[in-house]
Every structure is written in C-alpha cells, then in structure tokens.
C-alpha cells in the first residue's frame, strides 16, 4: 500500500515513490488518460495485491468525464480509500477537471483530493519543466511527500518505513 496509478507526471518519480513507499505499487505510463485507470485498477484488484489506499494521478492528458470517476470508484470499492491527485497544466481544462475531482470527493466518503495544483502553483517555474505538468528531478521528493502526507492516516504501520535521524 498504496497503489499509485498515473500518467507520466508521477511516472518520473518512480524511484522516489518506492523510497517513500517500499511496499507500494507504482503503475504510471506516458499518455495515460483518466478513462484508462479503471482497467488498471481492476487488474490489480483481481490479483488481490491492493491494500486499503489507492491513489490515481492520471489527469494530465485530457479532460475528465464523470463516468471515468464513477468507474474508478466502482473498481476500488467501498472498503478502500481513493485519493485523486488533481492536475496542474496549462492546456485549458485544469480548472474544470480539478472542479470535477473536488465535487466527486465531496460526494463520496472514501474519496479524497490531493491538491497538487495548490501546492505547485506558487513554484511552477522551479518545480516543473517548461512543458507545463512534468516534474523537475528535484521535485520528485516533494510530490511523493505530498502523497504520503495525504494518505498517512489510512496506511497500516507495516506499510511505513521508519527512518533514523540520518534519513536511512
């Protein structure tokens, strides 16, 4: 735990994700659209390898359709927590997509928003490459730390790694 299903934005942070969540699963690919997340989620759930926490960060490549969000929640089921990482991009659909994510989370007790847009907006020029959504290498730890902060209370103690004071 957690399972992270995403596009290329969290995809670049794979090594840092596994440093943060050594027992997690990271399935992020270039060009993944929100509608593709359901089949990925179902595949992992069928394998019985999904813990209590599922994170979806697949909103950078296109607009979100309401049925896509419904399908994600249906795949995850009522006994897991679904965290949706909203998007930062300059392609014209960010505000609408993030509003849909927020409204969906408000309507479901086991759905939560991880507000990447709010975190990154003051730091776009230093945290992201000029293409808009993609993380600079120095931002990987911040991104994974943001996810950890959001999901921490829903993880089991064995999902976490305790670090000594030197960060080992």
Foldseek 3Di string as FASTA:
>chain_A
DAEEEEEVQLVVLVVLLCVFFVLYHYHYYHPAALQNVLVVLLVCVVVVSHDQEYEYHHHPRDADDPVSVVSNDVSNDDRHAYEYEQFKFDPPCRVVRVVSLVVVCVVDVRYYYLDPCVVCVVPPVPQADPRITHGDPVCSNVVSVSVCVVCVVVDDPVRGDDADPVRD
